[in-house]
Amino acid sequence: MKTSTTPPQILAHRLVAHRGDSQNYPENSLSALRAALSAGARYIEFDVQFTADEVPMVFHDDELQRITGVSAKIHQLTTAELALLRASETQRFGKQFSDEPIPTLDDVLQLLAQWPDATAFVEIKQETVAHFGTEAVARRMVAALAAHQHNCILISFDAAVLQAARNAGMQRIGWVLSQWNNAARQQAEQLAPDVLFCNYKKIPERDVLWQGVWSWALYDIVDPAIALHWFARGVQLIETWDVTAMLCDPRLQASENTVQKPEKNND
């Protein structure tokens, strides 16, 4: 398996915590990421947007409203200004997380260091690339992850920023597919990422997963039965926003060697 030097022994170890344990905590927060890692997640995924002073923050939207309740774009505020806001997601959690800060990428990398066997997929968001420029974002991210190449993989929907990051020294990249078609397949073959991510609903049931140098990661799956189906079809990783429940499900405690692969002519 390309994303880990030691292949997982049970299927639950092939789950990726989407924005941490985002079912039970504000997404992309230190609490969500810590909870996922503490529950046993071997892989986490989180998003990065830049501030006005070009500091990488772990945050999904370019708009702050949904998470913080403040009407502004993250690129318009400095790191110091963002430090005054809270990633509380009050629409989901009320006042439960009223003290939850918006973490910097450095904050999350320090947290990740406590789980040296875990791997992080670090997604650079397209709004940041559009605002600050492909080359500048690529260089900034490679510099930020320089000491964490062993357990961080830079991912994006934007193939150009991934290629620029690879040229700047990023060792592992993952491309998130926007579409499932021949043009995307050809671009994947040219980019040759370490991991290909795709929304599982975009893949026709009878289509064969594209073969290449990459591993496959599908999102966003919260049903163990669906996860088992895709593991059987050759997917290496399943990304889920309900990682704690998925980790505990007995169906995913089975050895990966027990997965029944379908016959080739039926796939």
C-alpha atoms as a PDB file:
ATOM      1  CA  MET A   1       0.000   0.000   0.000  1.00  0.00           C
ATOM      2  CA  LYS A   2       1.550   3.263  -1.106  1.00  0.00           C
ATOM      3  CA  THR A   3       0.394   5.438   1.756  1.00  0.00           C
ATOM      4  CA  SER A   4       1.962   3.436   4.586  1.00  0.00           C
ATOM      5  CA  THR A   5       5.182   1.486   5.026  1.00  0.00           C
ATOM      6  CA  THR A   6       3.332  -1.130   7.126  1.00  0.00           C
ATOM      7  CA  PRO A   7       0.113  -2.466   5.561  1.00  0.00           C
ATOM      8  CA  PRO A   8      -2.846  -2.303   7.960  1.00  0.00           C
ATOM      9  CA  GLN A   9      -3.928  -5.598   9.480  1.00  0.00           C
ATOM     10  CA  ILE A  10      -7.620  -4.830   9.852  1.00  0.00           C
ATOM     11  CA  LEU A  11      -9.953  -2.936   7.560  1.00  0.00           C
ATOM     12  CA  ALA A  12     -10.645  -0.232  10.161  1.00  0.00           C
ATOM     13  CA  HIS A  13      -7.020   0.822   9.865  1.00  0.00           C
ATOM     14  CA  ARG A  14      -7.731   1.847   6.283  1.00  0.00           C
ATOM     15  CA  LEU A  15     -10.236   4.517   7.278  1.00  0.00           C
ATOM     16  CA  VAL A  16      -9.469   8.202   6.780  1.00  0.00           C
ATOM     17  CA  ALA A  17     -11.005  10.660   9.236  1.00  0.00           C
ATOM     18  CA  HIS A  18     -12.578  13.352   7.040  1.00  0.00           C
ATOM     19  CA  ARG A  19     -11.800  16.693   8.714  1.00  0.00           C
ATOM     20  CA  GLY A  20     -11.195  14.669  11.872  1.00  0.00           C
ATOM     21  CA  ASP A  21     -14.114  13.239  13.838  1.00  0.00           C
ATOM     22  CA  SER A  22     -16.387  15.778  12.186  1.00  0.00           C
ATOM     23  CA  GLN A  23     -19.563  13.968  13.214  1.00  0.00           C
ATOM     24  CA  ASN A  24     -18.980  14.762  16.874  1.00  0.00           C
ATOM     25  CA  TYR A  25     -16.781  17.888  16.819  1.00  0.00           C
ATOM     26  CA  PRO A  26     -16.437  21.027  14.704  1.00  0.00           C
ATOM     27  CA  GLU A  27     -14.792  20.010  11.446  1.00  0.00           C
ATOM     28  CA  ASN A  28     -11.046  20.581  11.032  1.00  0.00           C
ATOM     29  CA  SER A  29     -10.736  21.609  14.679  1.00  0.00           C
ATOM     30  CA  LEU A  30      -8.002  20.422  16.998  1.00  0.00           C
ATOM     31  CA  SER A  31     -10.700  18.651  19.026  1.00  0.00           C
ATOM     32  CA  ALA A  32     -11.982  16.789  15.955  1.00  0.00           C
ATOM     33  CA  LEU A  33      -8.524  15.750  14.809  1.00  0.00           C
ATOM     34  CA  ARG A  34      -7.393  14.746  18.293  1.00  0.00           C
ATOM     35  CA  ALA A  35     -10.554  12.690  18.818  1.00  0.00           C
ATOM     36  CA  ALA A  36     -10.043  10.819  15.536  1.00  0.00           C
ATOM     37  CA  LEU A  37      -6.433  10.006  16.328  1.00  0.00           C
ATOM     38  CA  SER A  38      -7.268   9.033  19.910  1.00  0.00           C
ATOM     39  CA  ALA A  39      -9.992   6.690  18.617  1.00  0.00           C
ATOM     40  CA  GLY A  40      -7.402   4.856  16.544  1.00  0.00           C
ATOM     41  CA  ALA A  41      -7.582   6.470  13.109  1.00  0.00           C
ATOM     42  CA  ARG A  42      -4.392   5.784  11.179  1.00  0.00           C
ATOM     43  CA  TYR A  43      -5.233   8.437   8.585  1.00  0.00           C
ATOM     44  CA  ILE A  44      -6.695  11.911   8.913  1.00  0.00           C
ATOM     45  CA  GLU A  45      -7.651  14.493   6.318  1.00  0.00           C
ATOM     46  CA  PHE A  46      -7.965  18.231   6.793  1.00  0.00           C
ATOM     47  CA  ASP A  47      -8.189  21.389   4.686  1.00  0.00           C
ATOM     48  CA  VAL A  48      -5.960  24.432   4.385  1.00  0.00           C
ATOM     49  CA  GLN A  49      -6.805  28.015   3.474  1.00  0.00           C
ATOM     50  CA  PHE A  50      -4.417  30.989   3.655  1.00  0.00           C
ATOM     51  CA  THR A  51      -4.927  34.148   5.693  1.00  0.00           C
ATOM     52  CA  ALA A  52      -4.324  37.660   4.379  1.00  0.00           C
ATOM     53  CA  ASP A  53      -0.751  37.363   5.659  1.00  0.00           C
ATOM     54  CA  GLU A  54      -0.368  33.994   3.885  1.00  0.00           C
ATOM     55  CA  VAL A  55      -0.379  31.781   6.970  1.00  0.00           C
ATOM     56  CA  PRO A  56      -1.879  28.327   6.349  1.00  0.00           C
ATOM     57  CA  MET A  57      -4.941  27.747   8.531  1.00  0.00           C
ATOM     58  CA  VAL A  58      -6.823  24.476   8.888  1.00  0.00           C
ATOM     59  CA  PHE A  59     -10.222  25.507   7.546  1.00  0.00           C
ATOM     60  CA  HIS A  60     -12.482  24.303   4.737  1.00  0.00           C
ATOM     61  CA  ASP A  61     -14.577  27.223   3.482  1.00  0.00           C
ATOM     62  CA  ASP A  62     -13.287  30.489   2.113  1.00  0.00           C
ATOM     63  CA  GLU A  63     -16.280  32.084   3.862  1.00  0.00           C
ATOM     64  CA  LEU A  64     -16.102  32.183   7.662  1.00  0.00           C
ATOM     65  CA  GLN A  65     -19.865  32.335   8.293  1.00  0.00           C
ATOM     66  CA  ARG A  66     -20.759  28.640   8.576  1.00  0.00           C
ATOM     67  CA  ILE A  67     -18.043  27.772  11.094  1.00  0.00           C
ATOM     68  CA  THR A  68     -17.491  31.018  13.021  1.00  0.00           C
ATOM     69  CA  GLY A  69     -20.677  33.035  12.489  1.00  0.00           C
ATOM     70  CA  VAL A  70     -18.653  35.948  11.108  1.00  0.00           C
ATOM     71  CA  SER A  71     -19.452  37.337   7.666  1.00  0.00           C
ATOM     72  CA  ALA A  72     -16.021  37.613   5.999  1.00  0.00           C
ATOM     73  CA  LYS A  73     -13.626  35.659   3.824  1.00  0.00           C
ATOM     74  CA  ILE A  74     -10.673  33.966   5.464  1.00  0.00           C
ATOM     75  CA  HIS A  75      -8.276  35.541   2.932  1.00  0.00           C
ATOM     76  CA  GLN A  76      -9.371  38.993   4.094  1.00  0.00           C
ATOM     77  CA  LEU A  77      -8.262  38.565   7.702  1.00  0.00           C
ATOM     78  CA  THR A  78      -4.833  38.258   9.259  1.00  0.00           C
ATOM     79  CA  THR A  79      -3.763  35.431  11.524  1.00  0.00           C
ATOM     80  CA  ALA A  80      -4.074  37.742  14.523  1.00  0.00           C
ATOM     81  CA  GLU A  81      -7.647  38.637  13.569  1.00  0.00           C
ATOM     82  CA  LEU A  82      -8.595  34.994  13.073  1.00  0.00           C
ATOM     83  CA  ALA A  83      -7.184  34.175  16.514  1.00  0.00           C
ATOM     84  CA  LEU A  84     -10.103  36.153  17.978  1.00  0.00           C
ATOM     85  CA  LEU A  85     -12.683  33.951  16.249  1.00  0.00           C
ATOM     86  CA  ARG A  86     -13.922  30.502  17.229  1.00  0.00           C
ATOM     87  CA  ALA A  87     -14.532  27.418  15.103  1.00  0.00           C
ATOM     88  CA  SER A  88     -17.660  26.613  17.091  1.00  0.00           C
ATOM     89  CA  GLU A  89     -20.141  25.539  14.374  1.00  0.00           C
ATOM     90  CA  THR A  90     -23.018  26.833  16.463  1.00  0.00           C
ATOM     91  CA  GLN A  91     -25.677  25.651  13.983  1.00  0.00           C
ATOM     92  CA  ARG A  92     -24.694  22.064  14.785  1.00  0.00           C
ATOM     93  CA  PHE A  93     -23.356  22.292  18.320  1.00  0.00           C
ATOM     94  CA  GLY A  94     -24.811  25.417  19.914  1.00  0.00           C
ATOM     95  CA  LYS A  95     -22.449  26.739  22.587  1.00  0.00           C
ATOM     96  CA  GLN A  96     -20.723  23.401  23.232  1.00  0.00           C
ATOM     97  CA  PHE A  97     -17.500  24.430  21.462  1.00  0.00           C
ATOM     98  CA  SER A  98     -17.557  28.166  22.091  1.00  0.00           C
ATOM     99  CA  ASP A  99     -13.838  28.153  22.992  1.00  0.00           C
ATOM    100  CA  GLU A 100     -12.631  26.145  19.969  1.00  0.00           C
ATOM    101  CA  PRO A 101      -9.915  28.083  18.095  1.00  0.00           C
ATOM    102  CA  ILE A 102      -9.240  27.994  14.370  1.00  0.00           C
ATOM    103  CA  PRO A 103      -5.977  26.032  14.218  1.00  0.00           C
ATOM    104  CA  THR A 104      -2.975  26.970  12.165  1.00  0.00           C
ATOM    105  CA  LEU A 105      -1.362  24.267  10.067  1.00  0.00           C
ATOM    106  CA  ASP A 106       1.563  24.344  12.500  1.00  0.00           C
ATOM    107  CA  ASP A 107      -0.838  23.672  15.394  1.00  0.00           C
ATOM    108  CA  VAL A 108      -2.149  20.568  13.657  1.00  0.00           C
ATOM    109  CA  LEU A 109       1.306  19.338  12.676  1.00  0.00           C
ATOM    110  CA  GLN A 110       2.351  19.590  16.335  1.00  0.00           C
ATOM    111  CA  LEU A 111      -0.703  17.533  17.271  1.00  0.00           C
ATOM    112  CA  LEU A 112       0.084  14.980  14.576  1.00  0.00           C
ATOM    113  CA  ALA A 113       3.595  14.565  15.978  1.00  0.00           C
ATOM    114  CA  GLN A 114       2.024  12.851  19.000  1.00  0.00           C
ATOM    115  CA  TRP A 115       0.890  10.042  16.662  1.00  0.00           C
ATOM    116  CA  PRO A 116       4.054   9.323  14.640  1.00  0.00           C
ATOM    117  CA  ASP A 117       2.494   6.325  12.864  1.00  0.00           C
ATOM    118  CA  ALA A 118      -0.463   8.339  11.542  1.00  0.00           C
ATOM    119  CA  THR A 119      -0.610   9.848   8.066  1.00  0.00           C
ATOM    120  CA  ALA A 120      -2.278  13.153   7.184  1.00  0.00           C
ATOM    121  CA  PHE A 121      -3.811  14.139   3.877  1.00  0.00           C
ATOM    122  CA  VAL A 122      -3.430  17.913   3.707  1.00  0.00           C
ATOM    123  CA  GLU A 123      -5.857  19.454   1.219  1.00  0.00           C
ATOM    124  CA  ILE A 124      -5.000  22.867  -0.178  1.00  0.00           C
ATOM    125  CA  LYS A 125      -8.265  24.510  -1.180  1.00  0.00           C
ATOM    126  CA  GLN A 126      -8.887  25.886  -4.640  1.00  0.00           C
ATOM    127  CA  GLU A 127      -9.934  29.322  -3.365  1.00  0.00           C
ATOM    128  CA  THR A 128      -6.473  29.805  -1.865  1.00  0.00           C
ATOM    129  CA  VAL A 129      -4.788  28.757  -5.106  1.00  0.00           C
ATOM    130  CA  ALA A 130      -6.976  31.157  -7.095  1.00  0.00           C
ATOM    131  CA  HIS A 131      -6.312  34.031  -4.685  1.00  0.00           C
ATOM    132  CA  PHE A 132      -2.581  33.678  -4.059  1.00  0.00           C
ATOM    133  CA  GLY A 133      -1.379  31.905  -7.207  1.00  0.00           C
ATOM    134  CA  THR A 134      -0.307  28.368  -8.030  1.00  0.00           C
ATOM    135  CA  GLU A 135       3.449  28.717  -7.643  1.00  0.00           C
ATOM    136  CA  ALA A 136       3.307  30.808  -4.463  1.00  0.00           C
ATOM    137  CA  VAL A 137       0.896  28.418  -2.766  1.00  0.00           C
ATOM    138  CA  ALA A 138       2.904  25.376  -3.820  1.00  0.00           C
ATOM    139  CA  ARG A 139       6.149  26.820  -2.451  1.00  0.00           C
ATOM    140  CA  ARG A 140       4.495  27.886   0.808  1.00  0.00           C
ATOM    141  CA  MET A 141       2.947  24.480   1.383  1.00  0.00           C
ATOM    142  CA  VAL A 142       6.123  22.563   0.604  1.00  0.00           C
ATOM    143  CA  ALA A 143       8.012  24.767   3.047  1.00  0.00           C
ATOM    144  CA  ALA A 144       5.352  24.267   5.722  1.00  0.00           C
ATOM    145  CA  LEU A 145       5.429  20.483   5.289  1.00  0.00           C
ATOM    146  CA  ALA A 146       9.183  20.123   4.767  1.00  0.00           C
ATOM    147  CA  ALA A 147       9.810  18.467   8.137  1.00  0.00           C
ATOM    148  CA  HIS A 148       6.673  16.315   7.839  1.00  0.00           C
ATOM    149  CA  GLN A 149       7.105  14.637   4.469  1.00  0.00           C
ATOM    150  CA  HIS A 150       7.235  11.212   6.131  1.00  0.00           C
ATOM    151  CA  ASN A 151       3.613  11.393   7.242  1.00  0.00           C
ATOM    152  CA  CYS A 152       1.963  14.152   5.197  1.00  0.00           C
ATOM    153  CA  ILE A 153       0.572  13.912   1.679  1.00  0.00           C
ATOM    154  CA  LEU A 154      -0.504  17.105  -0.081  1.00  0.00           C
ATOM    155  CA  ILE A 155      -3.829  16.743  -1.885  1.00  0.00           C
ATOM    156  CA  SER A 156      -6.017  19.000  -4.009  1.00  0.00           C
ATOM    157  CA  PHE A 157      -8.645  19.140  -6.729  1.00  0.00           C
ATOM    158  CA  ASP A 158      -6.152  21.388  -8.552  1.00  0.00           C
ATOM    159  CA  ALA A 159      -3.680  19.264 -10.534  1.00  0.00           C
ATOM    160  CA  ALA A 160      -1.531  22.287 -11.409  1.00  0.00           C
ATOM    161  CA  VAL A 161      -0.764  23.145  -7.783  1.00  0.00           C
ATOM    162  CA  LEU A 162       0.087  19.510  -7.089  1.00  0.00           C
ATOM    163  CA  GLN A 163       2.519  19.411 -10.003  1.00  0.00           C
ATOM    164  CA  ALA A 164       4.063  22.683  -8.849  1.00  0.00           C
ATOM    165  CA  ALA A 165       4.407  21.291  -5.323  1.00  0.00           C
ATOM    166  CA  ARG A 166       6.062  18.145  -6.624  1.00  0.00           C
ATOM    167  CA  ASN A 167       8.474  20.297  -8.638  1.00  0.00           C
ATOM    168  CA  ALA A 168       9.222  22.250  -5.454  1.00  0.00           C
ATOM    169  CA  GLY A 169      10.053  19.090  -3.504  1.00  0.00           C
ATOM    170  CA  MET A 170       6.788  17.575  -2.267  1.00  0.00           C
ATOM    171  CA  GLN A 171       7.416  13.847  -2.136  1.00  0.00           C
ATOM    172  CA  ARG A 172       3.816  12.560  -2.142  1.00  0.00           C
ATOM    173  CA  ILE A 173       0.681  14.044  -3.655  1.00  0.00           C
ATOM    174  CA  GLY A 174      -2.968  13.067  -3.994  1.00  0.00           C
ATOM    175  CA  TRP A 175      -5.358  14.292  -6.649  1.00  0.00           C
ATOM    176  CA  VAL A 176      -9.076  14.643  -5.905  1.00  0.00           C
ATOM    177  CA  LEU A 177     -11.152  13.928  -8.998  1.00  0.00           C
ATOM    178  CA  SER A 178     -13.840  16.407  -9.980  1.00  0.00           C
ATOM    179  CA  GLN A 179     -15.207  14.128 -12.685  1.00  0.00           C
ATOM    180  CA  TRP A 180     -15.124  10.488 -13.699  1.00  0.00           C
ATOM    181  CA  ASN A 181     -14.356  10.440 -17.429  1.00  0.00           C
ATOM    182  CA  ASN A 182     -11.629   9.661 -19.939  1.00  0.00           C
ATOM    183  CA  ALA A 183     -10.153  13.163 -19.761  1.00  0.00           C
ATOM    184  CA  ALA A 184      -9.701  12.819 -15.987  1.00  0.00           C
ATOM    185  CA  ARG A 185      -8.165   9.381 -16.441  1.00  0.00           C
ATOM    186  CA  GLN A 186      -5.641  10.733 -18.940  1.00  0.00           C
ATOM    187  CA  GLN A 187      -4.778  13.597 -16.594  1.00  0.00           C
ATOM    188  CA  ALA A 188      -4.311  11.126 -13.732  1.00  0.00           C
ATOM    189  CA  GLU A 189      -1.902   9.113 -15.865  1.00  0.00           C
ATOM    190  CA  GLN A 190       0.085  12.265 -16.649  1.00  0.00           C
ATOM    191  CA  LEU A 191       0.145  13.523 -13.062  1.00  0.00           C
ATOM    192  CA  ALA A 192       0.793  10.058 -11.581  1.00  0.00           C
ATOM    193  CA  PRO A 193      -0.284  10.930  -8.026  1.00  0.00           C
ATOM    194  CA  ASP A 194       0.382   8.637  -5.097  1.00  0.00           C
ATOM    195  CA  VAL A 195      -3.322   8.635  -4.242  1.00  0.00           C
ATOM    196  CA  LEU A 196      -6.477   9.258  -6.273  1.00  0.00           C
ATOM    197  CA  PHE A 197      -9.489  10.488  -4.306  1.00  0.00           C
ATOM    198  CA  CYS A 198     -13.026  10.308  -5.647  1.00  0.00           C
ATOM    199  CA  ASN A 199     -16.584  10.635  -4.407  1.00  0.00           C
ATOM    200  CA  TYR A 200     -17.765   7.041  -4.628  1.00  0.00           C
ATOM    201  CA  LYS A 201     -21.124   8.153  -6.037  1.00  0.00           C
ATOM    202  CA  LYS A 202     -19.382   9.409  -9.188  1.00  0.00           C
ATOM    203  CA  ILE A 203     -18.139   5.928 -10.141  1.00  0.00           C
ATOM    204  CA  PRO A 204     -20.556   3.853 -12.232  1.00  0.00           C
ATOM    205  CA  GLU A 205     -21.197   0.528 -10.556  1.00  0.00           C
ATOM    206  CA  ARG A 206     -19.907  -1.550 -13.446  1.00  0.00           C
ATOM    207  CA  ASP A 207     -16.835   0.570 -14.187  1.00  0.00           C
ATOM    208  CA  VAL A 208     -13.429  -0.826 -13.294  1.00  0.00           C
ATOM    209  CA  LEU A 209     -11.212   1.305 -11.089  1.00  0.00           C
ATOM    210  CA  TRP A 210      -8.432   2.807 -13.164  1.00  0.00           C
ATOM    211  CA  GLN A 211      -5.135   1.010 -12.825  1.00  0.00           C
ATOM    212  CA  GLY A 212      -2.009   3.089 -12.242  1.00  0.00           C
ATOM    213  CA  VAL A 213       0.765   3.941  -9.827  1.00  0.00           C
ATOM    214  CA  TRP A 214      -1.768   5.339  -7.345  1.00  0.00           C
ATOM    215  CA  SER A 215      -3.775   3.977  -4.453  1.00  0.00           C
ATOM    216  CA  TRP A 216      -7.526   4.650  -4.396  1.00  0.00           C
ATOM    217  CA  ALA A 217      -9.322   6.596  -1.638  1.00  0.00           C
ATOM    218  CA  LEU A 218     -13.100   7.051  -1.817  1.00  0.00           C
ATOM    219  CA  TYR A 219     -15.273   9.478   0.148  1.00  0.00           C
ATOM    220  CA  ASP A 220     -17.574  10.152   1.951  1.00  0.00           C
ATOM    221  CA  ILE A 221     -18.731   6.785   3.263  1.00  0.00           C
ATOM    222  CA  VAL A 222     -20.442   6.273   6.630  1.00  0.00           C
ATOM    223  CA  ASP A 223     -22.015   2.862   5.973  1.00  0.00           C
ATOM    224  CA  PRO A 224     -19.696  -0.080   6.750  1.00  0.00           C
ATOM    225  CA  ALA A 225     -21.470  -2.224   4.155  1.00  0.00           C
ATOM    226  CA  ILE A 226     -20.633   0.295   1.427  1.00  0.00           C
ATOM    227  CA  ALA A 227     -17.059   0.460   2.701  1.00  0.00           C
ATOM    228  CA  LEU A 228     -16.761  -3.316   2.503  1.00  0.00           C
ATOM    229  CA  HIS A 229     -18.132  -3.271  -1.042  1.00  0.00           C
ATOM    230  CA  TRP A 230     -15.464  -0.841  -2.195  1.00  0.00           C
ATOM    231  CA  PHE A 231     -12.667  -2.562  -0.291  1.00  0.00           C
ATOM    232  CA  ALA A 232     -13.635  -5.698  -2.194  1.00  0.00           C
ATOM    233  CA  ARG A 233     -13.377  -3.780  -5.456  1.00  0.00           C
ATOM    234  CA  GLY A 234      -9.791  -2.831  -4.750  1.00  0.00           C
ATOM    235  CA  VAL A 235     -10.021   0.495  -2.941  1.00  0.00           C
ATOM    236  CA  GLN A 236      -7.218   0.993  -0.424  1.00  0.00           C
ATOM    237  CA  LEU A 237      -8.701   3.774   1.723  1.00  0.00           C
ATOM    238  CA  ILE A 238     -12.201   4.878   2.733  1.00  0.00           C
ATOM    239  CA  GLU A 239     -12.728   8.444   3.929  1.00  0.00           C
ATOM    240  CA  THR A 240     -15.520   9.036   6.444  1.00  0.00           C
ATOM    241  CA  TRP A 241     -16.845  11.897   8.536  1.00  0.00           C
ATOM    242  CA  ASP A 242     -18.136   9.437  11.156  1.00  0.00           C
ATOM    243  CA  VAL A 243     -14.809   7.786  11.848  1.00  0.00           C
ATOM    244  CA  THR A 244     -15.392   6.861  15.495  1.00  0.00           C
ATOM    245  CA  ALA A 245     -18.480   4.792  14.694  1.00  0.00           C
ATOM    246  CA  MET A 246     -16.802   3.213  11.681  1.00  0.00           C
ATOM    247  CA  LEU A 247     -13.702   2.290  13.679  1.00  0.00           C
ATOM    248  CA  CYS A 248     -15.876   0.480  16.214  1.00  0.00           C
ATOM    249  CA  ASP A 249     -18.017  -1.423  13.724  1.00  0.00           C
ATOM    250  CA  PRO A 250     -17.330  -5.180  14.018  1.00  0.00           C
ATOM    251  CA  ARG A 251     -17.577  -5.653  10.253  1.00  0.00           C
ATOM    252  CA  LEU A 252     -14.483  -3.490   9.838  1.00  0.00           C
ATOM    253  CA  GLN A 253     -12.538  -5.339  12.528  1.00  0.00           C
ATOM    254  CA  ALA A 254     -11.947  -8.187  10.084  1.00  0.00           C
ATOM    255  CA  SER A 255      -8.567  -8.772   8.492  1.00  0.00           C
ATOM    256  CA  GLU A 256      -8.102  -7.223   5.073  1.00  0.00           C
ATOM    257  CA  ASN A 257      -7.227 -10.730   3.875  1.00  0.00           C
ATOM    258  CA  THR A 258     -10.844 -11.797   4.401  1.00  0.00           C
ATOM    259  CA  VAL A 259     -12.231  -9.361   1.818  1.00  0.00           C
ATOM    260  CA  GLN A 260     -13.810 -11.230  -1.073  1.00  0.00           C
ATOM    261  CA  LYS A 261     -12.619  -9.804  -4.381  1.00  0.00           C
ATOM    262  CA  PRO A 262     -15.140  -9.895  -7.236  1.00  0.00           C
ATOM    263  CA  GLU A 263     -14.447 -11.816 -10.414  1.00  0.00           C
ATOM    264  CA  LYS A 264     -12.753  -9.597 -12.983  1.00  0.00           C
ATOM    265  CA  ASN A 265     -15.463 -10.090 -15.576  1.00  0.00           C
ATOM    266  CA  ASN A 266     -18.082  -8.887 -13.099  1.00  0.00           C
ATOM    267  CA  ASP A 267     -16.339  -5.699 -12.037  1.00  0.00           C
END
